[in-house]
Protein backbone atom coordinates (compact mmCIF):
# COMPACT_ATOMS: atom_id res chain seq x y z
CA MET A 1 5.74 18.46 -27.29
CA GLN A 2 3.73 16.52 -24.72
CA GLN A 3 5.44 13.59 -23.03
CA ARG A 4 4.00 11.07 -20.58
CA TRP A 5 6.18 10.41 -17.54
CA LYS A 6 6.09 7.42 -15.19
CA LEU A 7 7.15 8.15 -11.61
CA THR A 8 8.23 5.57 -9.03
CA ILE A 9 7.63 7.02 -5.58
CA GLU A 10 8.55 6.31 -1.97
CA TYR A 11 6.80 7.98 0.97
CA ASP A 12 6.13 7.86 4.68
CA GLY A 13 2.36 8.01 5.01
CA ARG A 14 2.21 9.27 8.59
CA PRO A 15 1.81 13.02 7.91
CA PHE A 16 -0.75 12.57 5.13
CA SER A 17 -4.49 12.04 4.86
CA GLY A 18 -3.70 9.46 2.20
CA TRP A 19 -2.66 9.57 -1.43
CA GLN A 20 -5.67 11.41 -2.85
CA ARG A 21 -5.77 15.19 -2.99
CA GLN A 22 -8.24 16.62 -0.47
CA GLU A 23 -9.63 20.06 0.18
CA ALA A 24 -7.19 22.89 0.76
CA GLY A 25 -5.16 22.59 3.94
CA ILE A 26 -5.40 18.79 4.24
CA PRO A 27 -2.03 17.22 3.35
CA SER A 28 -1.93 14.42 0.78
CA VAL A 29 0.84 12.73 -1.18
CA GLN A 30 -0.78 13.64 -4.49
CA ALA A 31 -0.99 17.32 -3.57
CA ALA A 32 2.66 17.36 -2.47
CA ILE A 33 3.88 15.94 -5.79
CA GLU A 34 1.60 18.13 -7.89
CA ALA A 35 2.88 21.17 -5.99
CA ALA A 36 6.45 20.07 -6.75
CA ILE A 37 5.61 19.77 -10.46
CA GLN A 38 4.02 23.21 -10.43
CA SER A 39 7.06 24.72 -8.74
CA PHE A 40 9.33 23.04 -11.28
CA CYS A 41 7.55 23.94 -14.52
CA GLN A 42 4.76 26.38 -13.51
CA GLN A 43 2.06 24.06 -14.82
CA ASP A 44 -1.00 22.80 -12.94
CA ILE A 45 -0.98 19.07 -13.66
CA THR A 46 -3.01 16.17 -12.31
CA ILE A 47 -1.10 12.95 -11.71
CA HIS A 48 -2.71 9.50 -11.96
CA VAL A 49 -1.74 6.77 -9.52
CA ALA A 50 -1.60 2.98 -9.62
CA GLY A 51 -3.39 2.59 -6.30
CA ARG A 52 -4.62 5.13 -3.78
CA THR A 53 -3.28 4.50 -0.29
CA ASP A 54 -5.14 5.42 2.89
CA ALA A 55 -4.05 7.79 5.65
CA GLY A 56 -0.97 6.43 7.38
CA VAL A 57 -0.14 3.83 4.71
CA HIS A 58 3.38 3.92 3.27
CA ALA A 59 4.93 3.18 -0.13
CA ARG A 60 8.30 1.99 -1.32
CA GLY A 61 7.34 1.58 -4.97
CA GLN A 62 4.16 3.54 -5.71
CA VAL A 63 3.71 4.40 -9.41
CA ALA A 64 2.03 7.41 -10.98
CA HIS A 65 2.00 9.08 -14.38
CA PHE A 66 1.38 12.52 -15.79
CA ASP A 67 1.61 14.33 -19.12
CA LEU A 68 3.96 17.29 -19.45
CA ASP A 69 4.50 19.71 -22.32
CA TYR A 70 8.02 20.99 -21.76
CA GLY A 71 8.30 22.66 -25.14
CA ASN A 72 11.47 22.08 -27.14
CA ARG A 73 13.68 21.94 -24.06
CA ALA A 74 15.52 18.71 -23.33
CA LEU A 75 14.40 16.85 -20.21
CA THR A 76 15.78 13.53 -19.04
CA GLY A 77 14.36 11.27 -16.37
CA TYR A 78 17.38 12.03 -14.20
CA ASP A 79 16.78 15.78 -14.51
CA LEU A 80 13.08 15.43 -13.70
CA THR A 81 13.77 13.20 -10.69
CA LYS A 82 16.38 15.61 -9.34
CA ALA A 83 14.15 18.66 -9.85
CA LEU A 84 11.07 17.15 -8.19
CA ASN A 85 13.06 15.87 -5.23
CA ALA A 86 14.49 19.35 -4.73
CA HIS A 87 10.94 20.70 -4.40
CA LEU A 88 9.87 17.79 -2.18
CA ARG A 89 12.77 18.06 0.27
CA GLU A 90 10.55 19.40 3.08
CA THR A 91 8.23 16.37 2.82
CA PRO A 92 8.74 12.63 3.45
CA VAL A 93 8.16 11.97 -0.27
CA VAL A 94 10.90 10.91 -2.70
CA ILE A 95 10.81 10.32 -6.44
CA LEU A 96 12.93 7.21 -6.99
CA ASP A 97 12.77 7.28 -10.76
CA ALA A 98 11.19 9.16 -13.66
CA GLU A 99 10.84 7.40 -17.00
CA ALA A 100 9.48 8.64 -20.34
CA VAL A 101 6.74 6.24 -21.49
CA GLY A 102 4.29 5.95 -24.37
CA GLU A 103 0.87 7.55 -24.23
CA ASP A 104 -0.73 4.10 -23.94
CA PHE A 105 0.83 3.60 -20.49
CA HIS A 106 -1.52 4.10 -17.54
CA ALA A 107 -0.27 3.76 -13.97
CA ARG A 108 -3.47 2.06 -12.83
CA PHE A 109 -4.91 0.24 -15.82
CA SER A 110 -1.61 -1.07 -17.20
CA ALA A 111 -0.65 -2.74 -13.90
CA VAL A 112 -0.68 -6.55 -13.88
CA ASN A 113 0.43 -7.21 -10.29
CA LYS A 114 0.86 -5.41 -6.97
CA LEU A 115 2.91 -6.43 -3.95
CA TYR A 116 1.95 -5.17 -0.51
CA ILE A 117 3.93 -5.97 2.62
CA PHE A 118 2.38 -5.62 6.06
CA ARG A 119 4.88 -5.41 8.92
CA LEU A 120 3.94 -6.59 12.42
CA LEU A 121 6.21 -6.28 15.44
CA ASN A 122 5.22 -9.13 17.76
CA ARG A 123 6.86 -8.62 21.15
CA PRO A 124 5.96 -7.28 24.62
CA ALA A 125 8.00 -4.08 24.29
CA PRO A 126 6.74 -1.30 21.99
CA PRO A 127 8.91 -0.01 19.11
CA ALA A 128 11.39 2.71 19.94
CA PHE A 129 12.41 3.59 16.38
CA GLU A 130 9.51 2.45 14.20
CA ARG A 131 6.46 3.84 15.91
CA GLY A 132 3.89 4.39 13.17
CA LEU A 133 5.83 2.15 10.78
CA VAL A 134 4.78 -1.25 12.16
CA TRP A 135 1.73 -2.72 13.90
CA HIS A 136 2.75 -3.61 17.43
CA VAL A 137 1.09 -6.73 18.91
CA ARG A 138 2.26 -7.75 22.39
CA ARG A 139 0.90 -11.31 22.70
CA LEU A 140 2.92 -13.96 20.87
CA LEU A 141 1.11 -15.04 17.69
CA ASP A 142 1.04 -18.60 16.32
CA VAL A 143 2.52 -18.20 12.84
CA ASP A 144 1.70 -21.74 11.69
CA ALA A 145 -1.97 -21.24 12.57
CA MET A 146 -2.02 -17.95 10.64
CA ARG A 147 -0.44 -19.63 7.63
CA ALA A 148 -3.16 -22.30 7.70
CA GLY A 149 -5.80 -19.57 7.81
CA ALA A 150 -4.13 -17.63 4.99
CA ALA A 151 -4.29 -20.68 2.72
CA HIS A 152 -8.11 -20.37 2.62
CA LEU A 153 -7.82 -16.90 1.07
CA LEU A 154 -5.66 -17.81 -1.91
CA GLY A 155 -7.29 -17.90 -5.32
CA HIS A 156 -10.31 -16.22 -6.92
CA HIS A 157 -13.06 -15.39 -4.43
CA ASP A 158 -15.81 -13.01 -3.45
CA PHE A 159 -13.94 -10.94 -0.83
CA THR A 160 -16.98 -9.05 0.50
CA THR A 161 -16.05 -10.12 4.05
CA PHE A 162 -12.68 -8.41 3.69
CA ARG A 163 -13.71 -5.20 1.95
CA ASP A 164 -14.57 -1.93 3.65
CA THR A 165 -18.30 -1.28 3.88
CA ASP A 166 -17.78 1.95 1.90
CA CYS A 167 -15.68 0.26 -0.81
CA GLN A 168 -16.72 1.65 -4.20
CA ALA A 169 -15.45 -1.24 -6.36
CA LYS A 170 -18.17 -2.56 -8.68
CA SER A 171 -17.36 -6.20 -7.93
CA PRO A 172 -16.04 -7.93 -4.78
CA MET A 173 -14.41 -10.64 -6.89
CA ARG A 174 -10.63 -10.61 -6.67
CA THR A 175 -7.76 -13.06 -7.18
CA LEU A 176 -5.22 -13.38 -4.39
CA ASP A 177 -2.06 -14.90 -5.86
CA ARG A 178 0.14 -14.87 -2.75
CA LEU A 179 -0.27 -14.45 1.00
CA GLU A 180 2.99 -15.50 2.61
CA ILE A 181 3.87 -14.88 6.25
CA ILE A 182 7.59 -14.50 6.93
CA ALA A 183 8.73 -14.67 10.57
CA LYS A 184 12.13 -13.72 11.96
CA PRO A 185 13.28 -13.51 15.60
CA CYS A 186 13.69 -9.97 16.87
CA VAL A 187 17.31 -8.81 16.71
CA ALA A 188 17.36 -8.34 20.48
CA GLY A 189 15.04 -9.48 23.25
CA SER A 190 12.08 -11.79 22.85
CA GLY A 191 9.51 -11.71 20.11
CA GLN A 192 9.35 -11.90 16.34
CA ASP A 193 9.18 -9.63 13.29
CA LEU A 194 6.40 -10.71 10.94
CA GLU A 195 5.90 -9.71 7.32
CA PHE A 196 2.74 -10.53 5.36
CA HIS A 197 3.60 -10.55 1.63
CA VAL A 198 0.39 -10.10 -0.35
CA GLU A 199 0.22 -10.15 -4.16
CA GLY A 200 -2.54 -9.83 -6.73
CA ARG A 201 -3.58 -7.69 -9.67
CA SER A 202 -5.93 -5.49 -7.67
CA PHE A 203 -7.37 -5.19 -4.18
CA LEU A 204 -10.55 -3.93 -2.55
CA HIS A 205 -10.56 -1.04 -0.10
CA HIS A 206 -9.00 -2.22 3.20
CA GLN A 207 -8.74 -5.79 1.88
CA VAL A 208 -5.14 -6.34 2.95
CA ARG A 209 -5.62 -4.75 6.38
CA ASN A 210 -8.82 -6.73 6.98
CA MET A 211 -7.13 -10.00 6.05
CA VAL A 212 -4.18 -9.28 8.34
CA GLY A 213 -6.48 -8.28 11.19
CA THR A 214 -8.41 -11.52 10.79
CA LEU A 215 -5.27 -13.66 10.65
CA ALA A 216 -4.01 -11.97 13.82
CA MET A 217 -7.16 -13.27 15.53
CA VAL A 218 -6.15 -16.77 14.43
CA GLY A 219 -2.60 -16.25 15.66
CA ASP A 220 -3.90 -15.09 19.02
CA GLY A 221 -6.00 -18.24 19.43
CA LYS A 222 -9.33 -16.39 19.26
CA TRP A 223 -10.21 -17.99 15.91
CA THR A 224 -9.37 -21.32 14.32
CA SER A 225 -7.87 -21.38 10.84
CA ASP A 226 -11.10 -22.92 9.50
CA GLN A 227 -13.04 -19.88 10.71
CA VAL A 228 -11.19 -17.83 8.10
CA ARG A 229 -12.77 -20.01 5.40
CA GLU A 230 -16.17 -19.68 7.05
CA ALA A 231 -15.79 -15.90 7.21
CA LEU A 232 -14.82 -15.76 3.52
CA GLU A 233 -17.82 -17.87 2.55
CA ALA A 234 -20.17 -15.66 4.60
CA ARG A 235 -19.62 -12.74 2.18
CA ASP A 236 -20.42 -10.34 5.00
CA ARG A 237 -18.02 -7.78 6.48
CA ARG A 238 -19.52 -8.40 9.92
CA ALA A 239 -18.26 -11.99 9.74
CA GLY A 240 -14.62 -10.91 9.39
CA GLY A 241 -12.02 -9.86 11.89
CA PRO A 242 -10.90 -6.32 12.75
CA THR A 243 -9.09 -3.95 10.41
CA ALA A 244 -5.37 -3.85 11.12
CA PRO A 245 -4.01 -0.29 11.55
CA PRO A 246 -2.41 1.44 8.55
CA ASP A 247 0.97 1.75 10.29
CA GLY A 248 2.41 -1.52 9.00
CA LEU A 249 1.14 -1.43 5.41
CA TYR A 250 3.51 -0.69 2.51
CA LEU A 251 2.84 -0.67 -1.24
CA VAL A 252 6.15 -2.17 -2.31
CA ARG A 253 6.07 -3.01 -6.01
CA ILE A 254 3.84 -2.71 -9.06
CA ASP A 255 4.48 -4.84 -12.14
CA TYR A 256 3.59 -3.87 -15.72
């Protein structure tokens, strides 16, 4: 009997070309998990994801689903999680949970909200332990100025300025429900740890990274907060700031 399974997944994006399966020999998160499923049950299965992440982007709560016919044998979510993790042990990919769901569940189309967190290490010294896991910016950024700039992005807008030029979404209209910047002093030495908490139902390609890159320009004093509004209203990618690197971006939670 065929059963649909929902997977909650954590991964380090550094070794991968991104989520999506590529041609043979190019590592992807999707290919790693599909290989684990094949090793477990000897079936070639395609998994469907809530949101494809780019090369170098990480996840703490990515969600995917797939359909599996396991015959009359009993299979619990615990058993499936344990089996897949055994086959993924050589990769930085972990299945956090496997849950049997109805056939009407779809990892992408059933989602009602996504939370991304972008981590920025703002201090003169580079990271010793988290290289590739945070964006390192040496010059001290003005958090209050960035918060003022972020306020212009909240709500329902045409986000053409903050989408990649190759974005394939049919419409640039998106609703940004939350863009909160949380700042904490570094545990030791000077500087601050910044987290950009970004929430909405769906996002355009590179939208989060382009918004963070633009706000960093504000924090560095190169832009005013009002220039963020002007860039948004321009509806032109060339009017926006740079794309922040993938290192600091995490897909943290998806709500259904």
